[in-house]
Amino acid sequence: MMRVSDPDIERCMLDLLRSRVETASICPSDVARALTHDEDGWRELMPAVRDVAARMAHRQRLKITQGDATLDPDQISHGPIRLRRGPGFPASD
């Protein structure tokens, strides 16, 4: 698998969220699929995407949700989640 850096993952998340309306969300797999185009590659990337999302949620750059609930970033090891702009979402980098 090609190595994708954490900064590349974070940049991709921010870009995908910026490309949608403010209230929209993205799936972590959207990020993984944007960074690698083969089936096995994006699946292998998912743990790293979730780890970066958790770190960004701790910094309030994004929120991690499941349904209407905002999740604790330390509790996202499994299950479907969505990523949304957080209160500290940067206007631009």
N, C-alpha and C. Protein backbone atom coordinates (compact mmCIF):
# COMPACT_ATOMS: atom_id res chain seq x y z
N MET A 1 0.84 -1.19 0.00
CA MET A 1 0.00 0.00 0.00
C MET A 1 0.89 1.25 0.00
N MET A 2 0.45 2.24 -0.75
CA MET A 2 1.22 3.48 -0.74
C MET A 2 1.02 4.17 0.60
N ARG A 3 2.04 4.85 1.05
CA ARG A 3 1.97 5.56 2.34
C ARG A 3 1.35 6.93 2.11
N VAL A 4 0.30 7.22 2.86
CA VAL A 4 -0.35 8.53 2.82
C VAL A 4 -0.09 9.16 4.18
N SER A 5 0.43 10.38 4.18
CA SER A 5 0.78 11.04 5.43
C SER A 5 -0.46 11.59 6.14
N ASP A 6 -0.35 11.75 7.44
CA ASP A 6 -1.44 12.35 8.22
C ASP A 6 -1.77 13.75 7.71
N PRO A 7 -0.78 14.61 7.40
CA PRO A 7 -1.13 15.92 6.86
C PRO A 7 -1.90 15.83 5.54
N ASP A 8 -1.58 14.83 4.70
CA ASP A 8 -2.33 14.64 3.45
C ASP A 8 -3.78 14.25 3.74
N ILE A 9 -3.98 13.39 4.74
CA ILE A 9 -5.33 12.98 5.12
C ILE A 9 -6.10 14.19 5.65
N GLU A 10 -5.48 14.97 6.53
CA GLU A 10 -6.15 16.14 7.08
C GLU A 10 -6.51 17.14 5.98
N ARG A 11 -5.58 17.40 5.09
CA ARG A 11 -5.83 18.33 3.98
C ARG A 11 -7.00 17.85 3.13
N CYS A 12 -7.05 16.56 2.86
CA CYS A 12 -8.13 15.99 2.06
C CYS A 12 -9.48 16.16 2.77
N MET A 13 -9.53 15.91 4.08
CA MET A 13 -10.76 16.10 4.84
C MET A 13 -11.24 17.54 4.74
N LEU A 14 -10.33 18.47 4.96
CA LEU A 14 -10.69 19.89 4.91
C LEU A 14 -11.18 20.27 3.52
N ASP A 15 -10.48 19.80 2.49
CA ASP A 15 -10.89 20.12 1.12
C ASP A 15 -12.27 19.56 0.79
N LEU A 16 -12.52 18.31 1.19
CA LEU A 16 -13.83 17.71 0.91
C LEU A 16 -14.95 18.45 1.65
N LEU A 17 -14.70 18.81 2.91
CA LEU A 17 -15.73 19.55 3.65
C LEU A 17 -15.93 20.95 3.07
N ARG A 18 -14.87 21.59 2.65
CA ARG A 18 -15.00 22.93 2.04
C ARG A 18 -15.77 22.89 0.73
N SER A 19 -15.70 21.76 0.03
CA SER A 19 -16.36 21.66 -1.27
C SER A 19 -17.87 21.42 -1.16
N ARG A 20 -18.35 21.25 0.06
CA ARG A 20 -19.77 21.02 0.30
C ARG A 20 -20.36 22.19 1.08
N VAL A 21 -21.69 22.25 1.13
CA VAL A 21 -22.32 23.31 1.93
C VAL A 21 -21.93 23.12 3.39
N GLU A 22 -21.98 24.20 4.15
CA GLU A 22 -21.50 24.21 5.53
C GLU A 22 -22.12 23.13 6.41
N THR A 23 -23.37 22.79 6.16
CA THR A 23 -24.07 21.83 7.02
C THR A 23 -23.89 20.38 6.57
N ALA A 24 -23.19 20.17 5.47
CA ALA A 24 -23.02 18.81 4.93
C ALA A 24 -21.99 18.03 5.72
N SER A 25 -22.02 16.73 5.54
CA SER A 25 -21.04 15.85 6.17
C SER A 25 -20.38 14.99 5.10
N ILE A 26 -19.28 14.38 5.49
CA ILE A 26 -18.61 13.42 4.62
C ILE A 26 -18.41 12.12 5.39
N CYS A 27 -18.25 11.06 4.65
CA CYS A 27 -17.94 9.76 5.24
C CYS A 27 -16.42 9.61 5.24
N PRO A 28 -15.86 9.00 6.28
CA PRO A 28 -14.41 8.77 6.26
C PRO A 28 -13.95 8.03 5.00
N SER A 29 -14.80 7.15 4.46
CA SER A 29 -14.41 6.43 3.25
C SER A 29 -14.29 7.37 2.05
N ASP A 30 -15.01 8.51 2.06
CA ASP A 30 -14.84 9.50 0.99
C ASP A 30 -13.39 9.98 0.96
N VAL A 31 -12.83 10.20 2.15
CA VAL A 31 -11.45 10.66 2.27
C VAL A 31 -10.50 9.57 1.77
N ALA A 32 -10.68 8.37 2.27
CA ALA A 32 -9.79 7.27 1.88
C ALA A 32 -9.86 7.01 0.37
N ARG A 33 -11.06 7.05 -0.19
CA ARG A 33 -11.20 6.81 -1.63
C ARG A 33 -10.57 7.93 -2.46
N ALA A 34 -10.61 9.16 -1.95
CA ALA A 34 -10.00 10.29 -2.67
C ALA A 34 -8.48 10.18 -2.68
N LEU A 35 -7.92 9.50 -1.69
CA LEU A 35 -6.46 9.42 -1.56
C LEU A 35 -5.85 8.20 -2.23
N THR A 36 -6.64 7.17 -2.44
CA THR A 36 -6.14 5.98 -3.12
C THR A 36 -7.30 5.37 -3.89
N HIS A 37 -7.03 4.89 -5.08
CA HIS A 37 -8.13 4.54 -5.97
C HIS A 37 -8.39 3.04 -6.11
N ASP A 38 -7.64 2.22 -5.40
CA ASP A 38 -7.94 0.79 -5.51
C ASP A 38 -8.69 0.32 -4.26
N GLU A 39 -9.47 -0.72 -4.43
CA GLU A 39 -10.37 -1.21 -3.37
C GLU A 39 -9.62 -1.57 -2.09
N ASP A 40 -8.53 -2.31 -2.21
CA ASP A 40 -7.78 -2.69 -1.02
C ASP A 40 -7.08 -1.49 -0.38
N GLY A 41 -6.62 -0.58 -1.19
CA GLY A 41 -5.90 0.58 -0.68
C GLY A 41 -6.74 1.47 0.20
N TRP A 42 -7.96 1.79 -0.23
CA TRP A 42 -8.78 2.68 0.60
C TRP A 42 -9.21 1.99 1.88
N ARG A 43 -9.47 0.70 1.84
CA ARG A 43 -9.85 -0.02 3.06
C ARG A 43 -8.70 -0.04 4.07
N GLU A 44 -7.48 -0.23 3.59
CA GLU A 44 -6.31 -0.23 4.47
C GLU A 44 -6.07 1.15 5.08
N LEU A 45 -6.51 2.18 4.40
CA LEU A 45 -6.29 3.55 4.85
C LEU A 45 -7.30 3.99 5.92
N MET A 46 -8.41 3.27 6.06
CA MET A 46 -9.48 3.69 6.97
C MET A 46 -9.04 3.89 8.43
N PRO A 47 -8.24 3.01 9.03
CA PRO A 47 -7.81 3.28 10.42
C PRO A 47 -7.05 4.60 10.55
N ALA A 48 -6.19 4.91 9.59
CA ALA A 48 -5.45 6.18 9.64
C ALA A 48 -6.40 7.37 9.49
N VAL A 49 -7.41 7.24 8.62
CA VAL A 49 -8.39 8.32 8.43
C VAL A 49 -9.15 8.56 9.73
N ARG A 50 -9.57 7.49 10.40
CA ARG A 50 -10.29 7.64 11.67
C ARG A 50 -9.39 8.26 12.74
N ASP A 51 -8.12 7.87 12.77
CA ASP A 51 -7.18 8.45 13.74
C ASP A 51 -7.01 9.95 13.53
N VAL A 52 -6.83 10.35 12.27
CA VAL A 52 -6.68 11.78 11.97
C VAL A 52 -7.97 12.52 12.31
N ALA A 53 -9.12 11.93 12.00
CA ALA A 53 -10.40 12.57 12.33
C ALA A 53 -10.53 12.78 13.83
N ALA A 54 -10.12 11.80 14.61
CA ALA A 54 -10.20 11.92 16.07
C ALA A 54 -9.31 13.06 16.56
N ARG A 55 -8.10 13.16 16.03
CA ARG A 55 -7.20 14.26 16.44
C ARG A 55 -7.78 15.62 16.04
N MET A 56 -8.37 15.69 14.86
CA MET A 56 -8.98 16.94 14.41
C MET A 56 -10.20 17.29 15.27
N ALA A 57 -10.94 16.28 15.70
CA ALA A 57 -12.11 16.53 16.56
C ALA A 57 -11.66 17.04 17.93
N HIS A 58 -10.56 16.52 18.44
CA HIS A 58 -10.03 17.02 19.71
C HIS A 58 -9.65 18.50 19.60
N ARG A 59 -9.24 18.92 18.42
CA ARG A 59 -8.88 20.33 18.19
C ARG A 59 -10.09 21.13 17.70
N GLN A 60 -11.25 20.51 17.64
CA GLN A 60 -12.52 21.11 17.24
C GLN A 60 -12.54 21.60 15.80
N ARG A 61 -11.65 21.07 14.98
CA ARG A 61 -11.67 21.40 13.56
C ARG A 61 -12.84 20.70 12.88
N LEU A 62 -13.24 19.57 13.42
CA LEU A 62 -14.42 18.88 12.90
C LEU A 62 -15.15 18.18 14.04
N LYS A 63 -16.37 17.75 13.73
CA LYS A 63 -17.19 16.96 14.66
C LYS A 63 -17.39 15.60 14.04
N ILE A 64 -17.41 14.58 14.88
CA ILE A 64 -17.68 13.23 14.44
C ILE A 64 -19.08 12.88 14.92
N THR A 65 -19.94 12.50 13.99
CA THR A 65 -21.33 12.23 14.34
C THR A 65 -21.75 10.83 13.92
N GLN A 66 -22.79 10.38 14.60
CA GLN A 66 -23.45 9.13 14.26
C GLN A 66 -24.93 9.42 14.45
N GLY A 67 -25.67 9.50 13.35
CA GLY A 67 -27.04 9.97 13.43
C GLY A 67 -27.03 11.41 13.89
N ASP A 68 -27.85 11.74 14.88
CA ASP A 68 -27.90 13.11 15.40
C ASP A 68 -26.90 13.35 16.54
N ALA A 69 -26.21 12.31 16.97
CA ALA A 69 -25.31 12.41 18.13
C ALA A 69 -23.89 12.79 17.71
N THR A 70 -23.28 13.69 18.47
CA THR A 70 -21.86 13.98 18.30
C THR A 70 -21.09 13.03 19.21
N LEU A 71 -20.14 12.33 18.64
CA LEU A 71 -19.40 11.30 19.38
C LEU A 71 -18.14 11.85 20.01
N ASP A 72 -17.75 11.23 21.10
CA ASP A 72 -16.45 11.48 21.71
C ASP A 72 -15.40 10.93 20.74
N PRO A 73 -14.41 11.74 20.37
CA PRO A 73 -13.40 11.29 19.40
C PRO A 73 -12.65 10.03 19.84
N ASP A 74 -12.61 9.76 21.13
CA ASP A 74 -11.92 8.57 21.60
C ASP A 74 -12.78 7.31 21.53
N GLN A 75 -14.02 7.45 21.07
CA GLN A 75 -14.95 6.33 21.04
C GLN A 75 -15.42 5.99 19.63
N ILE A 76 -14.56 6.14 18.65
CA ILE A 76 -14.98 5.90 17.26
C ILE A 76 -14.29 4.71 16.62
N SER A 77 -13.97 3.70 17.37
CA SER A 77 -13.20 2.58 16.84
C SER A 77 -13.97 1.75 15.82
N HIS A 78 -15.30 1.79 15.87
CA HIS A 78 -16.08 1.01 14.92
C HIS A 78 -17.44 1.68 14.69
N GLY A 79 -18.13 1.17 13.70
CA GLY A 79 -19.46 1.69 13.40
C GLY A 79 -19.42 2.84 12.42
N PRO A 80 -20.56 3.10 11.78
CA PRO A 80 -20.62 4.17 10.79
C PRO A 80 -20.56 5.55 11.45
N ILE A 81 -19.72 6.40 10.91
CA ILE A 81 -19.60 7.77 11.42
C ILE A 81 -19.61 8.73 10.24
N ARG A 82 -19.87 9.99 10.54
CA ARG A 82 -19.81 11.07 9.57
C ARG A 82 -18.92 12.17 10.13
N LEU A 83 -18.32 12.92 9.26
CA LEU A 83 -17.45 14.03 9.65
C LEU A 83 -18.09 15.34 9.20
N ARG A 84 -18.16 16.30 10.11
CA ARG A 84 -18.77 17.61 9.83
C ARG A 84 -17.82 18.72 10.29
N ARG A 85 -18.06 19.91 9.79
CA ARG A 85 -17.27 21.06 10.24
C ARG A 85 -17.49 21.28 11.73
N GLY A 86 -16.42 21.51 12.46
CA GLY A 86 -16.51 21.82 13.88
C GLY A 86 -16.41 23.32 14.11
N PRO A 87 -16.54 23.75 15.36
CA PRO A 87 -16.47 25.18 15.66
C PRO A 87 -15.11 25.79 15.31
N GLY A 88 -14.07 25.00 15.28
CA GLY A 88 -12.74 25.50 14.93
C GLY A 88 -12.34 25.21 13.51
N PHE A 89 -13.33 24.90 12.66
CA PHE A 89 -13.03 24.61 11.26
C PHE A 89 -12.37 25.82 10.62
N PRO A 90 -11.19 25.63 10.00
CA PRO A 90 -10.48 26.78 9.44
C PRO A 90 -11.16 27.31 8.17
N ALA A 91 -11.21 28.62 8.05
CA ALA A 91 -11.77 29.24 6.86
C ALA A 91 -10.95 28.82 5.63
N SER A 92 -9.64 28.79 5.80
CA SER A 92 -8.75 28.31 4.74
C SER A 92 -7.37 28.07 5.37
N ASP A 93 -6.59 27.26 4.70
CA ASP A 93 -5.22 26.98 5.19
C ASP A 93 -4.20 27.58 4.26
